Amino acid sequence: MDFNYLAIVVAAVVPVVLGFIWYNPKVFGVAWMRAAEMTEAKIKGGNMAIIFSVSLVLSVMLAFFTNYLVIHEFGVYGLTGGHLDAATTQAFLDEFEGTWRTYKHGALHGAMAGIMFALPVIGINALFERKNFKYILINAGYWTICLTIMGSIISGWIA
């Protein structure tokens, strides 16, 4: 299994592009600022070059990991620890490779990751930070949609 590096790069840009839309004041930006107790002064006080650079690096890491969530052939290698002989591995891949490599299937697994992973992580942190339910929904919704799109791109874009 090879990584589709172009799909990973495109998927890594999704959180940045979607973030511009999602957190825009005309969408969820104003509600998020209230729920997050964010002020214009706090926003202007941050180093945006560092914030966006680190966010992009983290998005690349997330896109690489998303491969393992949406492309099942990677599971063969993980399940066997790489101990399958070449003939057995090739026979398996000949029969099943690409079976689930669709945009729709990747979107499903991305959405599942958002709901079953991002939502609980964000929710637990928010509870201890004393954030309200709106904060949880805005942020978990953002990550669920991001992961849905990222999973779709990575699974469906076959090089």
C-alpha atoms as a PDB file:
ATOM      1  CA  MET A   1       0.000   0.000   0.000  1.00  0.00           C
ATOM      2  CA  ASP A   2       1.312   3.371  -0.976  1.00  0.00           C
ATOM      3  CA  PHE A   3       0.123   6.683   0.369  1.00  0.00           C
ATOM      4  CA  ASN A   4      -1.570   9.048  -2.055  1.00  0.00           C
ATOM      5  CA  TYR A   5       0.457  12.076  -1.014  1.00  0.00           C
ATOM      6  CA  LEU A   6      -1.508  14.487  -3.187  1.00  0.00           C
ATOM      7  CA  ALA A   7      -4.778  13.382  -1.561  1.00  0.00           C
ATOM      8  CA  ILE A   8      -3.155  13.775   1.868  1.00  0.00           C
ATOM      9  CA  VAL A   9      -2.033  17.331   1.073  1.00  0.00           C
ATOM     10  CA  VAL A  10      -5.470  18.283  -0.269  1.00  0.00           C
ATOM     11  CA  ALA A  11      -7.179  16.679   2.742  1.00  0.00           C
ATOM     12  CA  ALA A  12      -4.809  18.539   5.089  1.00  0.00           C
ATOM     13  CA  VAL A  13      -6.000  21.861   3.668  1.00  0.00           C
ATOM     14  CA  VAL A  14      -9.647  21.019   4.441  1.00  0.00           C
ATOM     15  CA  PRO A  15      -9.561  22.127   8.117  1.00  0.00           C
ATOM     16  CA  VAL A  16      -8.065  25.496   7.135  1.00  0.00           C
ATOM     17  CA  VAL A  17     -10.558  26.170   4.338  1.00  0.00           C
ATOM     18  CA  LEU A  18     -13.547  24.871   6.296  1.00  0.00           C
ATOM     19  CA  GLY A  19     -12.394  26.837   9.352  1.00  0.00           C
ATOM     20  CA  PHE A  20     -12.529  30.088   7.380  1.00  0.00           C
ATOM     21  CA  ILE A  21     -16.129  29.271   6.492  1.00  0.00           C
ATOM     22  CA  TRP A  22     -17.314  27.626   9.735  1.00  0.00           C
ATOM     23  CA  TYR A  23     -15.885  30.207  12.118  1.00  0.00           C
ATOM     24  CA  ASN A  24     -16.823  33.176   9.939  1.00  0.00           C
ATOM     25  CA  PRO A  25     -19.015  35.645  11.856  1.00  0.00           C
ATOM     26  CA  LYS A  26     -21.807  35.067   9.314  1.00  0.00           C
ATOM     27  CA  VAL A  27     -21.844  31.332  10.043  1.00  0.00           C
ATOM     28  CA  PHE A  28     -20.826  30.176  13.562  1.00  0.00           C
ATOM     29  CA  GLY A  29     -18.111  32.713  14.374  1.00  0.00           C
ATOM     30  CA  VAL A  30     -20.143  34.976  16.661  1.00  0.00           C
ATOM     31  CA  ALA A  31     -21.749  32.056  18.516  1.00  0.00           C
ATOM     32  CA  TRP A  32     -18.360  30.340  18.852  1.00  0.00           C
ATOM     33  CA  MET A  33     -16.722  33.507  20.196  1.00  0.00           C
ATOM     34  CA  ARG A  34     -19.410  33.784  22.884  1.00  0.00           C
ATOM     35  CA  ALA A  35     -19.285  30.096  23.761  1.00  0.00           C
ATOM     36  CA  ALA A  36     -15.474  30.055  23.822  1.00  0.00           C
ATOM     37  CA  GLU A  37     -15.315  33.315  25.758  1.00  0.00           C
ATOM     38  CA  MET A  38     -13.142  34.681  22.959  1.00  0.00           C
ATOM     39  CA  THR A  39     -12.700  38.395  22.385  1.00  0.00           C
ATOM     40  CA  GLU A  40     -11.464  40.435  19.435  1.00  0.00           C
ATOM     41  CA  ALA A  41      -8.482  41.459  21.592  1.00  0.00           C
ATOM     42  CA  LYS A  42      -7.535  37.797  22.197  1.00  0.00           C
ATOM     43  CA  ILE A  43      -7.821  37.053  18.493  1.00  0.00           C
ATOM     44  CA  LYS A  44      -5.686  40.024  17.501  1.00  0.00           C
ATOM     45  CA  GLY A  45      -3.154  39.178  20.221  1.00  0.00           C
ATOM     46  CA  GLY A  46      -2.229  35.835  18.636  1.00  0.00           C
ATOM     47  CA  ASN A  47       0.573  35.283  16.133  1.00  0.00           C
ATOM     48  CA  MET A  48      -1.511  34.186  13.145  1.00  0.00           C
ATOM     49  CA  ALA A  49       1.525  32.971  11.150  1.00  0.00           C
ATOM     50  CA  ILE A  50       2.436  30.533  13.905  1.00  0.00           C
ATOM     51  CA  ILE A  51      -1.179  29.543  14.555  1.00  0.00           C
ATOM     52  CA  PHE A  52      -1.861  28.721  10.895  1.00  0.00           C
ATOM     53  CA  SER A  53       1.544  27.061  10.343  1.00  0.00           C
ATOM     54  CA  VAL A  54       1.180  24.746  13.327  1.00  0.00           C
ATOM     55  CA  SER A  55      -2.460  24.080  12.421  1.00  0.00           C
ATOM     56  CA  LEU A  56      -1.406  23.027   8.930  1.00  0.00           C
ATOM     57  CA  VAL A  57       1.292  20.691  10.294  1.00  0.00           C
ATOM     58  CA  LEU A  58      -1.259  19.135  12.653  1.00  0.00           C
ATOM     59  CA  SER A  59      -3.731  18.827   9.759  1.00  0.00           C
ATOM     60  CA  VAL A  60      -1.105  16.923   7.751  1.00  0.00           C
ATOM     61  CA  MET A  61      -0.649  14.559  10.701  1.00  0.00           C
ATOM     62  CA  LEU A  62      -4.421  14.089  10.883  1.00  0.00           C
ATOM     63  CA  ALA A  63      -4.640  13.438   7.136  1.00  0.00           C
ATOM     64  CA  PHE A  64      -1.917  10.764   7.368  1.00  0.00           C
ATOM     65  CA  PHE A  65      -3.749   9.053  10.223  1.00  0.00           C
ATOM     66  CA  THR A  66      -7.043   9.261   8.350  1.00  0.00           C
ATOM     67  CA  ASN A  67      -5.555   6.808   5.823  1.00  0.00           C
ATOM     68  CA  TYR A  68      -5.726   4.101   8.458  1.00  0.00           C
ATOM     69  CA  LEU A  69      -9.326   4.955   9.293  1.00  0.00           C
ATOM     70  CA  VAL A  70     -10.697   4.883   5.766  1.00  0.00           C
ATOM     71  CA  ILE A  71      -8.483   2.544   3.713  1.00  0.00           C
ATOM     72  CA  HIS A  72      -9.026  -0.992   4.926  1.00  0.00           C
ATOM     73  CA  GLU A  73      -6.081  -2.487   3.075  1.00  0.00           C
ATOM     74  CA  PHE A  74      -3.833  -0.826   5.656  1.00  0.00           C
ATOM     75  CA  GLY A  75      -5.568  -3.007   8.242  1.00  0.00           C
ATOM     76  CA  VAL A  76      -4.190  -6.161   6.605  1.00  0.00           C
ATOM     77  CA  TYR A  77      -0.679  -5.030   7.357  1.00  0.00           C
ATOM     78  CA  GLY A  78      -1.562  -3.922  10.859  1.00  0.00           C
ATOM     79  CA  LEU A  79      -3.525  -7.065  11.651  1.00  0.00           C
ATOM     80  CA  THR A  80      -0.735  -9.412  10.596  1.00  0.00           C
ATOM     81  CA  GLY A  81       2.142  -7.269  11.791  1.00  0.00           C
ATOM     82  CA  GLY A  82       3.562  -7.552   8.305  1.00  0.00           C
ATOM     83  CA  HIS A  83       4.085 -11.318   8.742  1.00  0.00           C
ATOM     84  CA  LEU A  84       2.021 -12.444   5.781  1.00  0.00           C
ATOM     85  CA  ASP A  85       4.156 -13.849   3.026  1.00  0.00           C
ATOM     86  CA  ALA A  86       4.101 -11.978  -0.268  1.00  0.00           C
ATOM     87  CA  ALA A  87       1.875 -14.532  -2.021  1.00  0.00           C
ATOM     88  CA  THR A  88      -0.791 -14.512   0.723  1.00  0.00           C
ATOM     89  CA  THR A  89      -0.778 -10.718   0.917  1.00  0.00           C
ATOM     90  CA  GLN A  90      -1.047 -10.429  -2.858  1.00  0.00           C
ATOM     91  CA  ALA A  91      -3.879 -12.982  -2.991  1.00  0.00           C
ATOM     92  CA  PHE A  92      -5.807 -11.015  -0.364  1.00  0.00           C
ATOM     93  CA  LEU A  93      -5.212  -7.726  -2.146  1.00  0.00           C
ATOM     94  CA  ASP A  94      -6.135  -9.220  -5.524  1.00  0.00           C
ATOM     95  CA  GLU A  95      -9.502 -10.222  -4.110  1.00  0.00           C
ATOM     96  CA  PHE A  96     -10.334  -7.226  -1.906  1.00  0.00           C
ATOM     97  CA  GLU A  97      -8.142  -4.242  -2.811  1.00  0.00           C
ATOM     98  CA  GLY A  98     -10.196  -1.228  -3.750  1.00  0.00           C
ATOM     99  CA  THR A  99     -13.500  -2.829  -2.702  1.00  0.00           C
ATOM    100  CA  TRP A 100     -14.242  -0.002  -0.298  1.00  0.00           C
ATOM    101  CA  ARG A 101     -12.178   2.769  -1.943  1.00  0.00           C
ATOM    102  CA  THR A 102     -15.005   5.197  -2.637  1.00  0.00           C
ATOM    103  CA  TYR A 103     -15.707   8.801  -1.673  1.00  0.00           C
ATOM    104  CA  LYS A 104     -18.904   7.686   0.049  1.00  0.00           C
ATOM    105  CA  HIS A 105     -17.190   5.018   2.149  1.00  0.00           C
ATOM    106  CA  GLY A 106     -14.419   7.404   3.186  1.00  0.00           C
ATOM    107  CA  ALA A 107     -17.012   9.995   4.151  1.00  0.00           C
ATOM    108  CA  LEU A 108     -18.803   7.412   6.308  1.00  0.00           C
ATOM    109  CA  HIS A 109     -15.646   6.522   8.224  1.00  0.00           C
ATOM    110  CA  GLY A 110     -14.672  10.174   8.527  1.00  0.00           C
ATOM    111  CA  ALA A 111     -18.091  11.014   9.970  1.00  0.00           C
ATOM    112  CA  MET A 112     -17.831   8.090  12.363  1.00  0.00           C
ATOM    113  CA  ALA A 113     -14.443   9.374  13.541  1.00  0.00           C
ATOM    114  CA  GLY A 114     -15.930  12.803  14.090  1.00  0.00           C
ATOM    115  CA  ILE A 115     -18.890  11.526  16.076  1.00  0.00           C
ATOM    116  CA  MET A 116     -17.173   8.699  17.961  1.00  0.00           C
ATOM    117  CA  PHE A 117     -13.759  10.306  18.532  1.00  0.00           C
ATOM    118  CA  ALA A 118     -13.745  14.091  18.091  1.00  0.00           C
ATOM    119  CA  LEU A 119     -17.087  14.677  19.841  1.00  0.00           C
ATOM    120  CA  PRO A 120     -16.155  12.766  23.017  1.00  0.00           C
ATOM    121  CA  VAL A 121     -12.674  14.337  23.206  1.00  0.00           C
ATOM    122  CA  ILE A 122     -14.005  17.857  22.697  1.00  0.00           C
ATOM    123  CA  GLY A 123     -16.939  17.183  25.014  1.00  0.00           C
ATOM    124  CA  ILE A 124     -14.782  15.905  27.873  1.00  0.00           C
ATOM    125  CA  ASN A 125     -12.378  18.850  27.594  1.00  0.00           C
ATOM    126  CA  ALA A 126     -15.261  21.316  27.373  1.00  0.00           C
ATOM    127  CA  LEU A 127     -16.931  19.906  30.476  1.00  0.00           C
ATOM    128  CA  PHE A 128     -13.800  20.390  32.543  1.00  0.00           C
ATOM    129  CA  GLU A 129     -13.242  23.836  31.005  1.00  0.00           C
ATOM    130  CA  ARG A 130     -16.838  24.688  31.982  1.00  0.00           C
ATOM    131  CA  LYS A 131     -17.831  25.420  28.386  1.00  0.00           C
ATOM    132  CA  ASN A 132     -21.456  25.155  27.375  1.00  0.00           C
ATOM    133  CA  PHE A 133     -23.158  22.656  25.080  1.00  0.00           C
ATOM    134  CA  LYS A 134     -23.167  25.127  22.182  1.00  0.00           C
ATOM    135  CA  TYR A 135     -19.343  25.236  22.314  1.00  0.00           C
ATOM    136  CA  ILE A 136     -19.225  21.435  22.106  1.00  0.00           C
ATOM    137  CA  LEU A 137     -21.662  21.289  19.180  1.00  0.00           C
ATOM    138  CA  ILE A 138     -19.932  24.027  17.178  1.00  0.00           C
ATOM    139  CA  ASN A 139     -16.456  22.507  17.541  1.00  0.00           C
ATOM    140  CA  ALA A 140     -17.479  18.851  17.253  1.00  0.00           C
ATOM    141  CA  GLY A 141     -19.645  19.696  14.244  1.00  0.00           C
ATOM    142  CA  TYR A 142     -16.685  21.395  12.600  1.00  0.00           C
ATOM    143  CA  TRP A 143     -14.403  18.399  13.161  1.00  0.00           C
ATOM    144  CA  THR A 144     -17.049  15.899  12.101  1.00  0.00           C
ATOM    145  CA  ILE A 145     -17.511  17.710   8.795  1.00  0.00           C
ATOM    146  CA  CYS A 146     -13.731  18.111   8.377  1.00  0.00           C
ATOM    147  CA  LEU A 147     -13.113  14.416   8.950  1.00  0.00           C
ATOM    148  CA  THR A 148     -16.010  13.472   6.670  1.00  0.00           C
ATOM    149  CA  ILE A 149     -14.524  15.497   3.820  1.00  0.00           C
ATOM    150  CA  MET A 150     -10.964  14.381   4.580  1.00  0.00           C
ATOM    151  CA  GLY A 151     -12.011  10.715   4.687  1.00  0.00           C
ATOM    152  CA  SER A 152     -13.883  11.092   1.423  1.00  0.00           C
ATOM    153  CA  ILE A 153     -10.889  12.636  -0.333  1.00  0.00           C
ATOM    154  CA  ILE A 154      -8.385  10.104   0.978  1.00  0.00           C
ATOM    155  CA  SER A 155     -10.532   7.027   0.342  1.00  0.00           C
ATOM    156  CA  GLY A 156     -12.011   8.012  -2.991  1.00  0.00           C
ATOM    157  CA  TRP A 157      -9.043   9.690  -4.649  1.00  0.00           C
ATOM    158  CA  ILE A 158      -7.218   6.745  -6.097  1.00  0.00           C
ATOM    159  CA  ALA A 159      -3.919   7.658  -7.709  1.00  0.00           C
END
